[in-house]
Amino acid sequence: MKKIVKNSIKIIIFITLANLPFITVTQIIGMDTFLDSFENPEYYLHLQDTNNSYGLNTNSGEHIIVQKSTHPDFNIKKSDSILYFKEDGHLNCNKVTQINNMGALKCYYIQEKNQFSNKPIYDFQVIGKVVNIADGNLWNSISLSIWETSINNLNLNALITNK
């Protein structure tokens, strides 16, 4: 009887430890995004901002989770942070302060360094919107790396259509 209890405790501990990275990622990006990332891994991007190179007010090493603009449910609202190409070709990320429709063309206005930009960002410049920004600590780095690897290698479509 003691052996069964001991083995059961070992199994529970193993399952808990194996799922801790996924529990962490669920807390970082939310359950809906987490589940959607396994069904549609091509629509999510994980970046690490090592030198504050995207223009966000983040600390060095923080992780940025982006929903790509190709996602079927992609929608930008006022106050969303978007990742986009600037006119000079560099990547940048800022909050949307205003959205205008010019015929069939949408343009977004952003706030850069506490000033409103007078140059619009067009749909074709947008890579995606920021789902969340996570601290760059070791545990988050490990958890997000495991998540990124698993959505690309263990996604639901691959399991269902495995040939």
Protein backbone atom coordinates (compact mmCIF):
# COMPACT_ATOMS: atom_id res chain seq x y z
CA MET A 1 0.00 0.00 0.00
CA LYS A 2 2.84 2.40 0.88
CA LYS A 3 4.51 1.66 -2.46
CA ILE A 4 1.33 2.60 -4.38
CA VAL A 5 1.03 5.90 -2.48
CA LYS A 6 4.73 6.65 -3.01
CA ASN A 7 4.49 5.95 -6.75
CA SER A 8 1.31 8.03 -7.01
CA ILE A 9 3.03 10.98 -5.35
CA LYS A 10 5.99 10.63 -7.74
CA ILE A 11 3.64 10.64 -10.74
CA ILE A 12 1.77 13.70 -9.46
CA ILE A 13 5.04 15.57 -8.85
CA PHE A 14 6.31 14.64 -12.32
CA ILE A 15 3.10 15.78 -14.03
CA THR A 16 3.12 19.04 -12.06
CA LEU A 17 6.76 19.79 -12.91
CA ALA A 18 6.24 18.90 -16.57
CA ASN A 19 3.30 21.32 -16.78
CA LEU A 20 4.80 24.26 -14.87
CA PRO A 21 6.21 25.97 -17.98
CA PHE A 22 2.81 25.75 -19.69
CA ILE A 23 1.06 27.08 -16.59
CA THR A 24 3.51 30.02 -16.60
CA VAL A 25 2.88 30.74 -20.28
CA THR A 26 -0.87 30.56 -19.70
CA GLN A 27 -0.47 33.22 -17.02
CA ILE A 28 1.64 35.39 -19.35
CA ILE A 29 -0.46 35.26 -22.54
CA GLY A 30 -3.87 34.08 -21.35
CA MET A 31 -5.74 30.85 -21.90
CA ASP A 32 -7.44 31.82 -25.19
CA THR A 33 -4.17 32.86 -26.83
CA PHE A 34 -2.41 29.80 -25.41
CA LEU A 35 -4.95 27.40 -26.92
CA ASP A 36 -5.11 29.33 -30.20
CA SER A 37 -1.31 29.18 -30.49
CA PHE A 38 -1.45 25.38 -30.63
CA GLU A 39 -4.14 25.40 -33.31
CA ASN A 40 -2.51 28.20 -35.33
CA PRO A 41 1.20 28.42 -34.47
CA GLU A 42 2.03 30.38 -37.62
CA TYR A 43 0.12 33.40 -36.28
CA TYR A 44 2.26 34.01 -33.19
CA LEU A 45 5.72 35.44 -32.78
CA HIS A 46 7.98 35.45 -29.73
CA LEU A 47 10.68 38.14 -29.58
CA GLN A 48 13.17 39.03 -26.89
CA ASP A 49 13.91 42.74 -26.62
CA THR A 50 17.58 42.62 -25.63
CA ASN A 51 18.57 46.23 -26.28
CA ASN A 52 15.20 48.00 -26.03
CA SER A 53 15.39 48.05 -29.80
CA TYR A 54 11.64 48.15 -30.48
CA GLY A 55 10.95 51.49 -28.86
CA LEU A 56 8.94 50.03 -25.98
CA ASN A 57 9.42 51.26 -22.47
CA THR A 58 10.65 47.84 -21.41
CA ASN A 59 13.64 46.59 -19.53
CA SER A 60 16.37 44.86 -21.48
CA GLY A 61 15.69 41.15 -21.98
CA GLU A 62 11.91 41.26 -21.76
CA HIS A 63 9.87 38.92 -23.95
CA ILE A 64 7.32 40.22 -26.42
CA ILE A 65 4.50 37.98 -27.65
CA VAL A 66 2.99 39.20 -30.94
CA GLN A 67 -0.16 38.12 -32.76
CA LYS A 68 0.67 38.47 -36.46
CA SER A 69 -1.50 40.60 -38.73
CA THR A 70 -2.26 37.50 -40.83
CA HIS A 71 -4.35 35.99 -37.99
CA PRO A 72 -8.01 35.55 -39.08
CA ASP A 73 -9.28 37.40 -35.97
CA PHE A 74 -6.65 40.16 -36.13
CA ASN A 75 -8.08 43.52 -35.12
CA ILE A 76 -6.31 46.63 -33.91
CA LYS A 77 -8.11 48.88 -31.46
CA LYS A 78 -7.17 52.18 -29.93
CA SER A 79 -4.51 51.74 -27.17
CA ASP A 80 -3.22 48.42 -28.64
CA SER A 81 0.55 48.21 -29.03
CA ILE A 82 1.57 47.31 -32.57
CA LEU A 83 4.84 46.08 -34.03
CA TYR A 84 5.50 47.69 -37.40
CA PHE A 85 8.13 48.68 -39.94
CA LYS A 86 9.04 52.35 -39.92
CA GLU A 87 9.64 54.21 -43.18
CA ASP A 88 13.39 53.67 -42.79
CA GLY A 89 12.87 49.89 -42.54
CA HIS A 90 13.52 49.52 -38.80
CA LEU A 91 11.14 47.69 -36.50
CA ASN A 92 9.30 49.74 -33.93
CA CYS A 93 6.51 49.19 -31.43
CA ASN A 94 4.11 51.79 -30.04
CA LYS A 95 0.56 52.27 -28.81
CA VAL A 96 -2.14 53.24 -31.27
CA THR A 97 -3.74 56.55 -30.33
CA GLN A 98 -6.02 57.04 -33.32
CA ILE A 99 -7.37 54.95 -36.21
CA ASN A 100 -8.53 56.49 -39.48
CA ASN A 101 -10.14 54.88 -42.50
CA MET A 102 -9.17 56.37 -45.82
CA GLY A 103 -11.43 54.49 -48.19
CA ALA A 104 -10.36 50.85 -48.03
CA LEU A 105 -7.06 51.81 -46.39
CA LYS A 106 -6.69 51.93 -42.62
CA CYS A 107 -4.04 54.06 -41.02
CA TYR A 108 -2.94 54.19 -37.42
CA TYR A 109 -1.46 57.09 -35.51
CA ILE A 110 0.85 56.39 -32.63
CA GLN A 111 2.47 58.16 -29.72
CA GLU A 112 6.27 58.24 -29.86
CA LYS A 113 8.26 59.36 -26.83
CA ASN A 114 5.31 61.24 -25.29
CA GLN A 115 4.53 63.03 -28.57
CA PHE A 116 1.79 62.21 -31.03
CA SER A 117 3.16 61.25 -34.42
CA ASN A 118 1.78 63.04 -37.46
CA LYS A 119 2.93 60.25 -39.80
CA PRO A 120 0.43 57.42 -40.11
CA ILE A 121 1.25 53.72 -39.99
CA TYR A 122 -0.52 51.81 -42.75
CA ASP A 123 -1.82 48.22 -42.67
CA PHE A 124 0.98 46.95 -44.89
CA GLN A 125 3.58 48.20 -42.36
CA VAL A 126 2.02 46.34 -39.41
CA ILE A 127 3.57 43.01 -38.43
CA GLY A 128 1.17 42.38 -35.56
CA LYS A 129 -0.08 43.51 -32.21
CA VAL A 130 1.56 42.87 -28.88
CA VAL A 131 -0.35 40.29 -26.85
CA ASN A 132 1.81 40.70 -23.77
CA ILE A 133 5.24 41.64 -22.52
CA ALA A 134 6.85 39.33 -19.96
CA ASP A 135 9.80 39.90 -17.68
CA GLY A 136 13.11 38.58 -18.96
CA ASN A 137 13.82 36.40 -15.94
CA LEU A 138 15.24 32.91 -16.36
CA TRP A 139 11.99 31.05 -15.63
CA ASN A 140 9.99 33.07 -18.18
CA SER A 141 12.74 32.56 -20.75
CA ILE A 142 12.68 28.79 -20.25
CA SER A 143 8.87 28.63 -20.23
CA LEU A 144 8.47 30.74 -23.38
CA SER A 145 11.17 28.74 -25.17
CA ILE A 146 9.38 25.49 -24.34
CA TRP A 147 6.05 27.02 -25.46
CA GLU A 148 7.53 28.27 -28.74
CA THR A 149 9.12 24.91 -29.48
CA SER A 150 5.98 22.99 -28.60
CA ILE A 151 3.58 25.08 -30.70
CA ASN A 152 5.78 24.56 -33.73
CA ASN A 153 6.44 20.86 -33.17
CA LEU A 154 3.47 19.56 -31.18
CA ASN A 155 0.58 21.56 -32.58
CA LEU A 156 -2.90 20.06 -32.82
CA ASN A 157 -2.99 20.06 -36.62
CA ALA A 158 0.23 18.05 -36.79
CA LEU A 159 -1.14 15.50 -34.33
CA ILE A 160 -4.45 15.13 -36.17
CA THR A 161 -3.07 15.02 -39.72
CA ASN A 162 0.09 13.07 -38.91
CA LYS A 163 0.96 10.98 -41.95
